[in-house]
Amino acid sequence: MKQNNTLNIDEIYEEIKLSNYNLESIVSGDVVAPQEIKQKIDLLISYDTNFYSNLLHKLIGEDFTEPEARQLWFEILEHKYKVSEKLGRNIGIKVATLDYLENIKGIIKSPRIIEEEEFIKTVKMATIDPLTQLYNRQHFMSLLRQKIREKTQFCLAFLDLDGFKKYNDKEGHQAGDILLQEFAVTLKLKFNSEKEFVGRYGGDEFMVCILQTDKKNAQNRLDIFRQEVKNQFASIGITVSIGVCEYPYDAGSLDELVEKVDELLYRVKEFGGDKVFRLRTVFFYYYPDDNYQPKEVSVVGDFNNWNRKQGIMEFVSSNKYWCKKMLLKPGTYRYKFLLDSNIWVIDKNSKFFADDGFGGQCSVIVVLER
């Protein structure tokens, strides 16, 4: 996959290894590396959420949480400088680490130094799904958190293979694994620019992040991919369902974004699969009659479980109407306006109406896929 260095963490580790520079020696100040290598290490520290725990694991073969490892690392550096100053020579980071953690802290009993090749494999296992060679869920989500901290606009898509369970049960798990690997390759080939990255959520669910784009453009690209998948796997009846949302337009946090994308994917499944859905922006307007000017108006319906508080509208004094913007999944919804918590009225500007089940009528809105 062609991605920039901020995303290819395992590749940066490999590049540092091939440069014949020792990572821990550079970070500890034991050796002075060229500026290019220093920049790569700065990227690792910024983007690898397990950088210090990986570093200590490489040095002594022990596992620590990242906060613990980071604190210990800086304590070890301070210990190294103090001992080196007393001895009049640099004792090196390996000696300092073993001495501090074994003799000072007493938290390790049988330290083991990890070879470079084993370390690279350990780092890769922490970020890569072993079956598909895509980013695993934990690392993918950490990249999304980083983009949110940077206030970067992006679209997140969840993808689920239609018909996979039936195929897996019929052909066996080995055939199912091969299918997942083939799909992963197709996914990587389609989304392989510096502004995209892909991952495996788990099972037959995958993830795509497209940076600096809106959800309409993302939907168009994903729909082209959906059709390609349908053609590629036509002989075995496999298609793909996709839900896509945009940050920060659709959600203000990663948890909210994931929840909405998951709901969209479920809605695609409800509609038979093999589609790409995004949240649609819908505006509701209520124009008061001259005879009655309400103090509060809510638009309530199937889309918000008929909850008054969730549908409270804003009064636009300049135009003398009430307005509410909503993000809705594709589908057909019944709704009404609720005035001052006790007066129900239909939306007279609606094109469609239906029985409300109480002898009256509801307005109906149809939210399309596009």
Protein backbone atom coordinates (compact mmCIF):
# COMPACT_ATOMS: atom_id res chain seq x y z
CA MET A 1 0.00 0.00 0.00
CA LYS A 2 1.36 3.41 -0.92
CA GLN A 3 0.98 5.55 2.17
CA ASN A 4 3.02 8.31 3.75
CA ASN A 5 5.45 7.67 6.60
CA THR A 6 3.00 8.90 9.23
CA LEU A 7 0.92 5.81 8.62
CA ASN A 8 3.46 3.06 7.71
CA ILE A 9 4.87 2.55 11.18
CA ASP A 10 6.29 -0.92 10.54
CA GLU A 11 7.93 0.33 7.32
CA ILE A 12 9.69 3.13 9.21
CA TYR A 13 11.06 0.62 11.72
CA GLU A 14 12.34 -1.44 8.80
CA GLU A 15 13.96 1.60 7.16
CA ILE A 16 15.79 2.49 10.38
CA LYS A 17 17.01 -1.08 10.66
CA LEU A 18 18.31 -1.07 7.07
CA SER A 19 20.16 2.20 7.72
CA ASN A 20 22.39 0.29 10.17
CA TYR A 21 21.44 2.60 13.03
CA ASN A 22 20.29 1.19 16.35
CA LEU A 23 16.94 2.66 17.39
CA GLU A 24 17.42 2.65 21.16
CA SER A 25 20.95 4.06 20.82
CA ILE A 26 19.63 7.04 18.86
CA VAL A 27 16.66 7.71 21.16
CA SER A 28 18.89 7.50 24.23
CA GLY A 29 21.55 9.79 22.78
CA ASP A 30 24.27 7.11 22.66
CA VAL A 31 24.87 7.86 18.97
CA VAL A 32 24.18 10.83 16.72
CA ALA A 33 22.19 9.90 13.61
CA PRO A 34 21.65 11.91 10.39
CA GLN A 35 18.73 14.33 10.32
CA GLU A 36 16.76 12.04 8.00
CA ILE A 37 16.87 9.21 10.55
CA LYS A 38 15.98 11.59 13.40
CA GLN A 39 12.89 12.73 11.48
CA LYS A 40 11.79 9.14 11.00
CA ILE A 41 12.13 8.50 14.73
CA ASP A 42 10.15 11.66 15.49
CA LEU A 43 7.37 10.24 13.29
CA LEU A 44 7.46 6.96 15.20
CA ILE A 45 7.22 8.70 18.57
CA SER A 46 4.27 10.76 17.31
CA TYR A 47 2.28 8.00 15.61
CA ASP A 48 3.21 4.69 17.26
CA THR A 49 0.98 4.50 20.33
CA ASN A 50 3.16 1.66 21.68
CA PHE A 51 6.56 3.21 20.94
CA TYR A 52 8.08 3.12 24.45
CA SER A 53 6.59 -0.26 25.38
CA ASN A 54 8.01 -1.68 22.13
CA LEU A 55 11.38 -0.10 22.94
CA LEU A 56 11.62 -1.68 26.40
CA HIS A 57 10.39 -5.00 25.07
CA LYS A 58 13.22 -4.95 22.56
CA LEU A 59 15.78 -4.14 25.24
CA ILE A 60 14.77 -6.59 27.98
CA GLY A 61 11.93 -8.76 26.67
CA GLU A 62 9.45 -7.49 29.28
CA ASP A 63 5.99 -6.06 28.61
CA PHE A 64 4.75 -2.78 30.09
CA THR A 65 1.78 -0.57 29.37
CA GLU A 66 2.66 2.45 27.26
CA PRO A 67 2.29 5.01 30.12
CA GLU A 68 4.46 2.80 32.39
CA ALA A 69 7.05 2.28 29.67
CA ARG A 70 7.28 5.98 28.85
CA GLN A 71 7.84 6.94 32.49
CA LEU A 72 10.42 4.17 32.97
CA TRP A 73 12.27 5.18 29.81
CA PHE A 74 12.88 8.72 31.03
CA GLU A 75 13.87 7.43 34.46
CA ILE A 76 16.37 5.11 32.77
CA LEU A 77 17.80 8.03 30.75
CA GLU A 78 18.27 10.06 33.92
CA HIS A 79 19.97 7.04 35.56
CA LYS A 80 22.25 6.62 32.55
CA TYR A 81 23.38 10.26 32.64
CA LYS A 82 24.06 10.19 36.40
CA VAL A 83 26.07 6.96 36.33
CA SER A 84 27.96 8.01 33.20
CA GLU A 85 28.89 11.31 34.81
CA LYS A 86 30.26 9.57 37.90
CA LEU A 87 32.26 7.05 35.86
CA GLY A 88 33.46 9.60 33.36
CA ARG A 89 32.25 7.54 30.41
CA ASN A 90 28.97 6.65 28.71
CA ILE A 91 27.70 3.35 30.06
CA GLY A 92 25.20 3.00 27.21
CA ILE A 93 21.46 2.51 27.22
CA LYS A 94 21.53 -1.32 27.49
CA VAL A 95 23.62 -1.35 30.65
CA ALA A 96 21.62 1.54 32.12
CA THR A 97 18.32 -0.22 31.42
CA LEU A 98 19.35 -3.53 32.94
CA ASP A 99 20.95 -1.88 35.97
CA TYR A 100 18.03 0.44 36.69
CA LEU A 101 15.21 -2.07 36.23
CA GLU A 102 16.98 -5.02 37.87
CA ASN A 103 19.09 -3.43 40.64
CA ILE A 104 17.33 -0.13 41.37
CA LYS A 105 13.66 -0.84 40.68
CA GLY A 106 13.76 -4.60 41.21
CA ILE A 107 11.00 -5.21 38.66
CA ILE A 108 12.79 -7.70 36.40
CA LYS A 109 14.51 -10.94 37.36
CA SER A 110 15.69 -12.52 34.10
CA PRO A 111 16.14 -9.83 31.43
CA ARG A 112 16.41 -10.86 27.78
CA ILE A 113 17.68 -8.66 24.96
CA ILE A 114 15.55 -8.96 21.81
CA GLU A 115 17.23 -9.24 18.41
CA GLU A 116 16.40 -6.59 15.79
CA GLU A 117 14.62 -9.01 13.48
CA GLU A 118 12.38 -10.27 16.28
CA PHE A 119 11.64 -6.71 17.32
CA ILE A 120 10.46 -5.76 13.82
CA LYS A 121 8.14 -8.77 13.83
CA THR A 122 6.77 -7.78 17.24
CA VAL A 123 6.01 -4.25 16.09
CA LYS A 124 4.34 -5.52 12.94
CA MET A 125 2.18 -7.94 14.92
CA ALA A 126 1.03 -5.03 17.08
CA THR A 127 -0.30 -3.11 14.06
CA ILE A 128 -1.08 -5.63 11.31
CA ASP A 129 -3.85 -8.22 11.05
CA PRO A 130 -2.00 -11.50 10.39
CA LEU A 131 -4.55 -12.98 7.97
CA THR A 132 -5.15 -10.03 5.64
CA GLN A 133 -1.99 -7.95 6.24
CA LEU A 134 -4.20 -4.87 6.71
CA TYR A 135 -4.06 -2.66 9.77
CA ASN A 136 -5.73 -4.31 12.74
CA ARG A 137 -8.64 -2.60 14.48
CA GLN A 138 -6.61 -1.22 17.40
CA HIS A 139 -4.00 0.43 15.21
CA PHE A 140 -6.57 1.68 12.68
CA MET A 141 -8.52 3.37 15.47
CA SER A 142 -5.35 4.93 16.88
CA LEU A 143 -4.71 6.48 13.46
CA LEU A 144 -8.24 7.90 13.44
CA ARG A 145 -7.70 9.40 16.90
CA GLN A 146 -4.54 11.04 15.62
CA LYS A 147 -6.44 12.57 12.69
CA ILE A 148 -9.09 13.87 15.08
CA ARG A 149 -6.42 15.46 17.26
CA GLU A 150 -5.05 17.12 14.13
CA LYS A 151 -8.58 18.33 13.27
CA THR A 152 -8.38 16.62 9.88
CA GLN A 153 -11.54 16.09 7.85
CA PHE A 154 -12.03 12.46 6.83
CA CYS A 155 -14.61 9.84 5.93
CA LEU A 156 -14.84 6.50 7.70
CA ALA A 157 -16.45 3.51 5.99
CA PHE A 158 -17.37 0.10 7.38
CA LEU A 159 -17.61 -2.75 4.87
CA ASP A 160 -19.26 -6.14 5.39
CA LEU A 161 -19.22 -9.04 2.93
CA ASP A 162 -22.72 -10.18 1.92
CA GLY A 163 -23.02 -13.94 1.74
CA PHE A 164 -19.73 -14.68 3.46
CA LYS A 165 -21.15 -16.81 6.27
CA LYS A 166 -23.02 -19.02 3.81
CA TYR A 167 -19.90 -19.39 1.68
CA ASN A 168 -17.70 -20.10 4.71
CA ASP A 169 -20.10 -22.74 6.05
CA LYS A 170 -20.37 -24.43 2.66
CA GLU A 171 -16.74 -24.31 1.46
CA GLY A 172 -14.93 -24.41 4.80
CA HIS A 173 -12.85 -22.01 6.87
CA GLN A 174 -9.75 -22.34 4.71
CA ALA A 175 -11.67 -21.24 1.63
CA GLY A 176 -13.20 -18.45 3.70
CA ASP A 177 -9.76 -17.23 4.77
CA ILE A 178 -8.57 -17.20 1.16
CA LEU A 179 -11.63 -15.17 0.20
CA LEU A 180 -10.90 -12.63 2.95
CA GLN A 181 -7.30 -12.35 1.77
CA GLU A 182 -8.40 -11.83 -1.83
CA PHE A 183 -10.88 -9.16 -0.79
CA ALA A 184 -8.17 -7.43 1.30
CA VAL A 185 -5.87 -7.27 -1.73
CA THR A 186 -8.68 -5.76 -3.81
CA LEU A 187 -9.31 -3.21 -1.08
CA LYS A 188 -5.64 -2.22 -0.84
CA LEU A 189 -5.35 -1.82 -4.61
CA LYS A 190 -8.39 0.47 -4.71
CA PHE A 191 -7.52 2.67 -1.73
CA ASN A 192 -3.76 3.05 -1.94
CA SER A 193 -3.01 6.77 -2.07
CA GLU A 194 -1.26 8.79 0.64
CA LYS A 195 -4.67 10.06 1.80
CA GLU A 196 -6.22 6.65 2.46
CA PHE A 197 -5.68 3.66 4.71
CA VAL A 198 -7.55 0.40 5.21
CA GLY A 199 -7.98 -2.10 8.01
CA ARG A 200 -9.80 -5.20 9.19
CA TYR A 201 -12.39 -4.66 11.89
CA GLY A 202 -12.84 -8.37 12.53
CA GLY A 203 -14.45 -11.39 10.86
CA ASP A 204 -15.63 -10.30 7.41
CA GLU A 205 -15.85 -6.60 8.34
CA PHE A 206 -13.32 -4.09 7.02
CA MET A 207 -12.63 -0.36 7.37
CA VAL A 208 -11.57 2.40 5.01
CA CYS A 209 -10.49 5.94 5.91
CA ILE A 210 -10.34 8.58 3.19
CA LEU A 211 -8.74 11.84 4.30
CA GLN A 212 -9.75 15.37 3.32
CA THR A 213 -12.90 14.51 1.43
CA ASP A 214 -16.64 14.77 2.01
CA LYS A 215 -19.04 11.86 2.34
CA LYS A 216 -20.67 12.39 -1.06
CA ASN A 217 -17.37 11.95 -2.89
CA ALA A 218 -16.47 9.07 -0.59
CA GLN A 219 -19.81 7.40 -1.34
CA ASN A 220 -19.19 7.70 -5.08
CA ARG A 221 -15.75 6.11 -4.82
CA LEU A 222 -16.99 3.36 -2.52
CA ASP A 223 -19.88 2.62 -4.87
CA ILE A 224 -17.46 2.09 -7.75
CA PHE A 225 -15.54 -0.30 -5.52
CA ARG A 226 -18.80 -2.05 -4.55
CA GLN A 227 -19.55 -2.73 -8.22
CA GLU A 228 -16.02 -4.00 -8.82
CA VAL A 229 -16.41 -6.45 -5.92
CA LYS A 230 -19.75 -7.62 -7.29
CA ASN A 231 -18.17 -8.33 -10.67
CA GLN A 232 -15.03 -9.94 -9.24
CA PHE A 233 -16.89 -12.37 -6.97
CA ALA A 234 -19.97 -12.90 -9.14
CA SER A 235 -19.27 -16.61 -9.54
CA ILE A 236 -19.63 -17.23 -5.79
CA GLY A 237 -22.35 -14.65 -5.09
CA ILE A 238 -20.34 -12.37 -2.80
CA THR A 239 -21.14 -8.65 -2.62
CA VAL A 240 -20.30 -5.90 -0.13
CA SER A 241 -22.43 -3.61 2.05
CA ILE A 242 -20.95 -0.25 2.99
CA GLY A 243 -21.82 2.57 5.38
CA VAL A 244 -19.83 5.81 5.33
CA CYS A 245 -19.81 8.89 7.58
CA GLU A 246 -17.86 12.13 7.60
CA TYR A 247 -15.87 13.67 10.44
CA PRO A 248 -16.60 16.21 11.87
CA TYR A 249 -19.83 16.88 9.94
CA ASP A 250 -21.66 13.74 11.06
CA ALA A 251 -20.08 13.26 14.49
CA GLY A 252 -17.94 15.14 16.97
CA SER A 253 -16.05 12.18 18.47
CA LEU A 254 -14.64 8.85 17.34
CA ASP A 255 -17.11 6.84 19.44
CA GLU A 256 -20.06 8.70 17.94
CA LEU A 257 -18.64 8.35 14.44
CA VAL A 258 -18.14 4.59 14.80
CA GLU A 259 -21.65 4.20 16.18
CA LYS A 260 -23.21 6.06 13.25
CA VAL A 261 -21.20 4.22 10.62
CA ASP A 262 -22.18 0.91 12.21
CA GLU A 263 -25.86 1.92 12.18
CA LEU A 264 -25.59 2.83 8.50
CA LEU A 265 -24.02 -0.52 7.69
CA TYR A 266 -26.85 -2.28 9.54
CA ARG A 267 -29.38 -0.23 7.53
CA VAL A 268 -27.73 -1.36 4.27
CA LYS A 269 -28.14 -4.95 5.44
CA GLU A 270 -31.81 -4.27 6.20
CA PHE A 271 -32.21 -3.07 2.63
CA GLY A 272 -30.76 -6.28 1.20
CA GLY A 273 -27.07 -5.39 1.08
CA ASP A 274 -24.88 -4.54 -1.92
CA LYS A 275 -25.32 -0.77 -1.41
CA VAL A 276 -23.43 2.23 -0.06
CA PHE A 277 -25.32 4.46 2.39
CA ARG A 278 -24.37 7.80 3.91
CA LEU A 279 -26.26 10.05 6.29
CA ARG A 280 -28.39 12.58 4.42
CA THR A 281 -28.96 16.15 5.59
CA VAL A 282 -32.68 16.91 5.83
CA PHE A 283 -34.27 20.24 6.79
CA PHE A 284 -37.74 20.39 8.33
CA TYR A 285 -39.72 23.65 8.28
CA TYR A 286 -42.86 24.61 10.17
CA TYR A 287 -44.74 27.76 9.18
CA PRO A 288 -47.17 28.88 11.94
CA ASP A 289 -50.77 29.80 11.19
CA ASP A 290 -51.75 33.40 11.83
CA ASN A 291 -54.26 32.20 14.42
CA TYR A 292 -51.73 30.45 16.65
CA GLN A 293 -48.10 31.30 17.40
CA PRO A 294 -46.50 28.43 19.39
CA LYS A 295 -43.74 28.99 21.93
CA GLU A 296 -42.10 25.63 21.15
CA VAL A 297 -42.20 23.36 18.12
CA SER A 298 -40.70 19.88 17.73
CA VAL A 299 -40.52 17.61 14.72
CA VAL A 300 -41.00 14.06 15.92
CA GLY A 301 -41.25 10.78 14.09
CA ASP A 302 -39.78 7.39 13.38
CA PHE A 303 -36.31 8.94 12.95
CA ASN A 304 -36.09 10.05 16.61
CA ASN A 305 -38.50 7.57 18.22
CA TRP A 306 -41.12 10.33 18.56
CA ASN A 307 -38.98 12.07 21.16
CA ARG A 308 -40.00 15.71 21.61
CA LYS A 309 -36.71 16.86 23.12
CA GLN A 310 -34.65 15.38 20.32
CA GLY A 311 -36.72 17.18 17.73
CA ILE A 312 -36.93 20.71 19.18
CA MET A 313 -36.84 23.23 16.33
CA GLU A 314 -35.26 26.68 16.15
CA PHE A 315 -37.36 29.76 15.45
CA VAL A 316 -36.00 31.91 12.61
CA SER A 317 -37.39 35.34 13.48
CA SER A 318 -36.32 36.99 10.23
CA ASN A 319 -38.48 34.60 8.19
CA LYS A 320 -40.98 33.70 10.91
CA TYR A 321 -40.69 29.94 10.64
CA TRP A 322 -39.32 27.05 12.71
CA CYS A 323 -36.43 24.97 11.37
CA LYS A 324 -34.61 21.75 12.27
CA LYS A 325 -31.65 20.15 10.50
CA MET A 326 -31.30 16.38 10.85
CA LEU A 327 -28.91 13.70 9.66
CA LEU A 328 -31.01 10.72 8.57
CA LYS A 329 -30.28 7.26 7.26
CA PRO A 330 -31.92 6.30 3.95
CA GLY A 331 -35.45 5.04 4.46
CA THR A 332 -39.10 6.05 4.79
CA TYR A 333 -40.20 7.89 7.93
CA ARG A 334 -43.53 9.07 9.38
CA TYR A 335 -43.50 12.35 11.32
CA LYS A 336 -45.55 15.21 12.74
CA PHE A 337 -45.00 18.61 14.30
CA LEU A 338 -45.71 18.94 18.02
CA LEU A 339 -46.68 22.43 19.18
CA ASP A 340 -46.21 23.43 22.82
CA SER A 341 -46.03 19.75 23.85
CA ASN A 342 -49.73 19.06 23.22
CA ILE A 343 -50.87 20.02 19.71
CA TRP A 344 -50.13 17.65 16.84
CA VAL A 345 -50.15 18.87 13.25
CA ILE A 346 -49.02 17.42 9.95
CA ASP A 347 -46.49 19.01 7.64
CA LYS A 348 -48.72 20.49 4.94
CA ASN A 349 -45.76 20.78 2.56
CA SER A 350 -45.08 17.04 2.64
CA LYS A 351 -45.59 15.11 -0.61
CA PHE A 352 -46.74 11.95 1.11
CA PHE A 353 -49.08 11.10 4.00
CA ALA A 354 -50.02 7.96 5.94
CA ASP A 355 -52.42 6.81 8.65
CA ASP A 356 -51.02 7.61 12.11
CA GLY A 357 -52.91 4.71 13.73
CA PHE A 358 -55.13 7.02 15.80
CA GLY A 359 -57.65 8.05 13.18
CA GLY A 360 -55.49 10.88 11.84
CA GLN A 361 -52.65 11.38 9.42
CA CYS A 362 -48.86 11.61 9.52
CA SER A 363 -46.59 13.25 7.04
CA VAL A 364 -44.11 10.95 5.31
CA ILE A 365 -40.60 11.68 4.11
CA VAL A 366 -38.52 9.43 1.89
CA VAL A 367 -34.76 9.75 2.37
CA LEU A 368 -32.96 8.46 -0.71
CA GLU A 369 -29.56 6.74 -0.94
CA ARG A 370 -28.11 9.67 -2.88
